[in-house]
Amino acid sequence: MEEKKPVKTAISEENLKRLFTYIESIQFGTVTLIIQNGEVVQIEKMEKFKLR
């Protein structure tokens, strides 16, 4: 019987919470995940403001 290897998660629980916080905090803009070797290494948030 083959032994199952533990599944490696691409993003930690802490960074997942941070990602949701960023998403909830912006009205217009983007949240980008930078992934290297199947793992999230950077989260970028760009917010845009309407000048009306």
PDB file of N, CA and C in Angstrom:
ATOM      1  N   MET A   1       0.838  -1.180   0.000  1.00  0.00           N
ATOM      2  CA  MET A   1       0.000   0.000   0.000  1.00  0.00           C
ATOM      3  C   MET A   1       0.887   1.248   0.000  1.00  0.00           C
ATOM      4  N   GLU A   2       0.587   2.174  -0.887  1.00  0.00           N
ATOM      5  CA  GLU A   2       1.384   3.398  -0.986  1.00  0.00           C
ATOM      6  C   GLU A   2       1.029   4.371   0.123  1.00  0.00           C
ATOM      7  N   GLU A   3       2.065   5.003   0.646  1.00  0.00           N
ATOM      8  CA  GLU A   3       1.852   6.016   1.681  1.00  0.00           C
ATOM      9  C   GLU A   3       1.542   7.347   1.006  1.00  0.00           C
ATOM     10  N   LYS A   4       0.479   8.006   1.447  1.00  0.00           N
ATOM     11  CA  LYS A   4       0.097   9.285   0.853  1.00  0.00           C
ATOM     12  C   LYS A   4       1.002  10.387   1.378  1.00  0.00           C
ATOM     13  N   LYS A   5       1.449  11.233   0.462  1.00  0.00           N
ATOM     14  CA  LYS A   5       2.269  12.378   0.836  1.00  0.00           C
ATOM     15  C   LYS A   5       1.354  13.509   1.275  1.00  0.00           C
ATOM     16  N   PRO A   6       1.763  14.280   2.291  1.00  0.00           N
ATOM     17  CA  PRO A   6       0.926  15.411   2.699  1.00  0.00           C
ATOM     18  C   PRO A   6       0.811  16.431   1.569  1.00  0.00           C
ATOM     19  N   VAL A   7      -0.357  17.001   1.436  1.00  0.00           N
ATOM     20  CA  VAL A   7      -0.608  17.988   0.393  1.00  0.00           C
ATOM     21  C   VAL A   7      -0.001  19.318   0.817  1.00  0.00           C
ATOM     22  N   LYS A   8       0.804  19.898  -0.061  1.00  0.00           N
ATOM     23  CA  LYS A   8       1.409  21.200   0.212  1.00  0.00           C
ATOM     24  C   LYS A   8       0.449  22.279  -0.269  1.00  0.00           C
ATOM     25  N   THR A   9       0.111  23.200   0.615  1.00  0.00           N
ATOM     26  CA  THR A   9      -0.794  24.273   0.221  1.00  0.00           C
ATOM     27  C   THR A   9      -0.009  25.387  -0.449  1.00  0.00           C
ATOM     28  N   ALA A  10      -0.640  26.017  -1.418  1.00  0.00           N
ATOM     29  CA  ALA A  10       0.018  27.083  -2.176  1.00  0.00           C
ATOM     30  C   ALA A  10       0.053  28.393  -1.404  1.00  0.00           C
ATOM     31  N   ILE A  11      -0.872  28.552  -0.427  1.00  0.00           N
ATOM     32  CA  ILE A  11      -0.945  29.804   0.325  1.00  0.00           C
ATOM     33  C   ILE A  11      -1.248  29.474   1.783  1.00  0.00           C
ATOM     34  N   SER A  12      -0.555  30.140   2.691  1.00  0.00           N
ATOM     35  CA  SER A  12      -0.758  29.888   4.114  1.00  0.00           C
ATOM     36  C   SER A  12      -2.091  30.475   4.572  1.00  0.00           C
ATOM     37  N   GLU A  13      -2.568  29.993   5.698  1.00  0.00           N
ATOM     38  CA  GLU A  13      -3.829  30.485   6.268  1.00  0.00           C
ATOM     39  C   GLU A  13      -3.740  31.986   6.547  1.00  0.00           C
ATOM     40  N   GLU A  14      -2.596  32.425   7.050  1.00  0.00           N
ATOM     41  CA  GLU A  14      -2.383  33.852   7.347  1.00  0.00           C
ATOM     42  C   GLU A  14      -2.466  34.701   6.074  1.00  0.00           C
ATOM     43  N   ASN A  15      -1.806  34.259   5.015  1.00  0.00           N
ATOM     44  CA  ASN A  15      -1.833  35.010   3.759  1.00  0.00           C
ATOM     45  C   ASN A  15      -3.197  34.939   3.076  1.00  0.00           C
ATOM     46  N   LEU A  16      -3.916  33.854   3.278  1.00  0.00           N
ATOM     47  CA  LEU A  16      -5.270  33.748   2.736  1.00  0.00           C
ATOM     48  C   LEU A  16      -6.179  34.781   3.406  1.00  0.00           C
ATOM     49  N   LYS A  17      -6.049  34.933   4.714  1.00  0.00           N
ATOM     50  CA  LYS A  17      -6.819  35.955   5.432  1.00  0.00           C
ATOM     51  C   LYS A  17      -6.449  37.347   4.942  1.00  0.00           C
ATOM     52  N   ARG A  18      -5.154  37.576   4.731  1.00  0.00           N
ATOM     53  CA  ARG A  18      -4.684  38.868   4.224  1.00  0.00           C
ATOM     54  C   ARG A  18      -5.271  39.142   2.835  1.00  0.00           C
ATOM     55  N   LEU A  19      -5.313  38.118   1.997  1.00  0.00           N
ATOM     56  CA  LEU A  19      -5.879  38.247   0.652  1.00  0.00           C
ATOM     57  C   LEU A  19      -7.342  38.675   0.721  1.00  0.00           C
ATOM     58  N   PHE A  20      -8.128  38.023   1.573  1.00  0.00           N
ATOM     59  CA  PHE A  20      -9.540  38.389   1.717  1.00  0.00           C
ATOM     60  C   PHE A  20      -9.696  39.805   2.259  1.00  0.00           C
ATOM     61  N   THR A  21      -8.822  40.214   3.163  1.00  0.00           N
ATOM     62  CA  THR A  21      -8.858  41.578   3.693  1.00  0.00           C
ATOM     63  C   THR A  21      -8.617  42.587   2.579  1.00  0.00           C
ATOM     64  N   TYR A  22      -7.638  42.321   1.724  1.00  0.00           N
ATOM     65  CA  TYR A  22      -7.355  43.215   0.594  1.00  0.00           C
ATOM     66  C   TYR A  22      -8.555  43.294  -0.343  1.00  0.00           C
ATOM     67  N   ILE A  23      -9.144  42.155  -0.650  1.00  0.00           N
ATOM     68  CA  ILE A  23     -10.286  42.127  -1.568  1.00  0.00           C
ATOM     69  C   ILE A  23     -11.454  42.926  -1.000  1.00  0.00           C
ATOM     70  N   GLU A  24     -11.713  42.769   0.281  1.00  0.00           N
ATOM     71  CA  GLU A  24     -12.831  43.469   0.908  1.00  0.00           C
ATOM     72  C   GLU A  24     -12.576  44.960   1.071  1.00  0.00           C
ATOM     73  N   SER A  25     -11.317  45.386   1.055  1.00  0.00           N
ATOM     74  CA  SER A  25     -10.989  46.783   1.354  1.00  0.00           C
ATOM     75  C   SER A  25     -10.993  47.701   0.136  1.00  0.00           C
ATOM     76  N   ILE A  26     -11.048  47.147  -1.076  1.00  0.00           N
ATOM     77  CA  ILE A  26     -10.993  48.016  -2.251  1.00  0.00           C
ATOM     78  C   ILE A  26     -12.332  48.040  -2.975  1.00  0.00           C
ATOM     79  N   GLN A  27     -12.650  49.195  -3.541  1.00  0.00           N
ATOM     80  CA  GLN A  27     -13.878  49.341  -4.320  1.00  0.00           C
ATOM     81  C   GLN A  27     -13.591  49.152  -5.808  1.00  0.00           C
ATOM     82  N   PHE A  28     -12.461  49.691  -6.273  1.00  0.00           N
ATOM     83  CA  PHE A  28     -12.045  49.563  -7.671  1.00  0.00           C
ATOM     84  C   PHE A  28     -10.558  49.231  -7.674  1.00  0.00           C
ATOM     85  N   GLY A  29     -10.153  48.236  -8.428  1.00  0.00           N
ATOM     86  CA  GLY A  29      -8.737  47.918  -8.506  1.00  0.00           C
ATOM     87  C   GLY A  29      -8.502  46.434  -8.724  1.00  0.00           C
ATOM     88  N   THR A  30      -7.282  46.006  -8.413  1.00  0.00           N
ATOM     89  CA  THR A  30      -6.905  44.611  -8.628  1.00  0.00           C
ATOM     90  C   THR A  30      -6.113  44.073  -7.446  1.00  0.00           C
ATOM     91  N   VAL A  31      -6.217  42.771  -7.249  1.00  0.00           N
ATOM     92  CA  VAL A  31      -5.367  42.044  -6.311  1.00  0.00           C
ATOM     93  C   VAL A  31      -4.705  40.951  -7.139  1.00  0.00           C
ATOM     94  N   THR A  32      -3.375  40.931  -7.144  1.00  0.00           N
ATOM     95  CA  THR A  32      -2.616  39.996  -7.975  1.00  0.00           C
ATOM     96  C   THR A  32      -1.797  39.065  -7.090  1.00  0.00           C
ATOM     97  N   LEU A  33      -1.831  37.775  -7.403  1.00  0.00           N
ATOM     98  CA  LEU A  33      -1.001  36.800  -6.706  1.00  0.00           C
ATOM     99  C   LEU A  33       0.196  36.470  -7.581  1.00  0.00           C
ATOM    100  N   ILE A  34       1.392  36.523  -7.006  1.00  0.00           N
ATOM    101  CA  ILE A  34       2.616  36.121  -7.702  1.00  0.00           C
ATOM    102  C   ILE A  34       2.968  34.725  -7.181  1.00  0.00           C
ATOM    103  N   ILE A  35       3.070  33.775  -8.101  1.00  0.00           N
ATOM    104  CA  ILE A  35       3.292  32.376  -7.738  1.00  0.00           C
ATOM    105  C   ILE A  35       4.611  31.894  -8.327  1.00  0.00           C
ATOM    106  N   GLN A  36       5.412  31.231  -7.491  1.00  0.00           N
ATOM    107  CA  GLN A  36       6.666  30.623  -7.947  1.00  0.00           C
ATOM    108  C   GLN A  36       6.720  29.204  -7.396  1.00  0.00           C
ATOM    109  N   ASN A  37       7.009  28.254  -8.259  1.00  0.00           N
ATOM    110  CA  ASN A  37       7.101  26.843  -7.875  1.00  0.00           C
ATOM    111  C   ASN A  37       5.850  26.366  -7.142  1.00  0.00           C
ATOM    112  N   GLY A  38       4.680  26.812  -7.598  1.00  0.00           N
ATOM    113  CA  GLY A  38       3.421  26.370  -7.021  1.00  0.00           C
ATOM    114  C   GLY A  38       3.087  26.966  -5.671  1.00  0.00           C
ATOM    115  N   GLU A  39       3.791  28.014  -5.275  1.00  0.00           N
ATOM    116  CA  GLU A  39       3.568  28.636  -3.971  1.00  0.00           C
ATOM    117  C   GLU A  39       3.417  30.144  -4.139  1.00  0.00           C
ATOM    118  N   VAL A  40       2.436  30.726  -3.454  1.00  0.00           N
ATOM    119  CA  VAL A  40       2.238  32.173  -3.502  1.00  0.00           C
ATOM    120  C   VAL A  40       3.383  32.837  -2.745  1.00  0.00           C
ATOM    121  N   VAL A  41       4.115  33.717  -3.430  1.00  0.00           N
ATOM    122  CA  VAL A  41       5.254  34.389  -2.810  1.00  0.00           C
ATOM    123  C   VAL A  41       5.024  35.885  -2.632  1.00  0.00           C
ATOM    124  N   GLN A  42       3.983  36.415  -3.292  1.00  0.00           N
ATOM    125  CA  GLN A  42       3.741  37.855  -3.203  1.00  0.00           C
ATOM    126  C   GLN A  42       2.277  38.136  -3.510  1.00  0.00           C
ATOM    127  N   ILE A  43       1.715  39.109  -2.785  1.00  0.00           N
ATOM    128  CA  ILE A  43       0.360  39.586  -3.051  1.00  0.00           C
ATOM    129  C   ILE A  43       0.459  41.080  -3.310  1.00  0.00           C
ATOM    130  N   GLU A  44      -0.059  41.519  -4.463  1.00  0.00           N
ATOM    131  CA  GLU A  44      -0.029  42.942  -4.817  1.00  0.00           C
ATOM    132  C   GLU A  44      -1.452  43.477  -4.852  1.00  0.00           C
ATOM    133  N   LYS A  45      -1.640  44.668  -4.289  1.00  0.00           N
ATOM    134  CA  LYS A  45      -2.949  45.320  -4.296  1.00  0.00           C
ATOM    135  C   LYS A  45      -2.803  46.669  -4.972  1.00  0.00           C
ATOM    136  N   MET A  46      -3.630  46.925  -6.000  1.00  0.00           N
ATOM    137  CA  MET A  46      -3.627  48.222  -6.669  1.00  0.00           C
ATOM    138  C   MET A  46      -5.049  48.759  -6.621  1.00  0.00           C
ATOM    139  N   GLU A  47      -5.213  49.886  -5.954  1.00  0.00           N
ATOM    140  CA  GLU A  47      -6.535  50.484  -5.829  1.00  0.00           C
ATOM    141  C   GLU A  47      -6.630  51.698  -6.733  1.00  0.00           C
ATOM    142  N   LYS A  48      -7.787  51.849  -7.372  1.00  0.00           N
ATOM    143  CA  LYS A  48      -8.029  52.990  -8.255  1.00  0.00           C
ATOM    144  C   LYS A  48      -9.128  53.841  -7.636  1.00  0.00           C
ATOM    145  N   PHE A  49      -9.015  55.148  -7.836  1.00  0.00           N
ATOM    146  CA  PHE A  49     -10.003  56.072  -7.299  1.00  0.00           C
ATOM    147  C   PHE A  49     -10.665  56.825  -8.436  1.00  0.00           C
ATOM    148  N   LYS A  50     -11.973  56.928  -8.400  1.00  0.00           N
ATOM    149  CA  LYS A  50     -12.732  57.690  -9.397  1.00  0.00           C
ATOM    150  C   LYS A  50     -12.745  59.155  -8.972  1.00  0.00           C
ATOM    151  N   LEU A  51     -12.419  60.062  -9.880  1.00  0.00           N
ATOM    152  CA  LEU A  51     -12.339  61.493  -9.577  1.00  0.00           C
ATOM    153  C   LEU A  51     -13.592  62.222 -10.053  1.00  0.00           C
ATOM    154  N   ARG A  52     -14.715  61.862  -9.565  1.00  0.00           N
ATOM    155  CA  ARG A  52     -15.963  62.527  -9.937  1.00  0.00           C
ATOM    156  C   ARG A  52     -16.548  63.229  -8.761  1.00  0.00           C
TER     157      ARG A  52
END
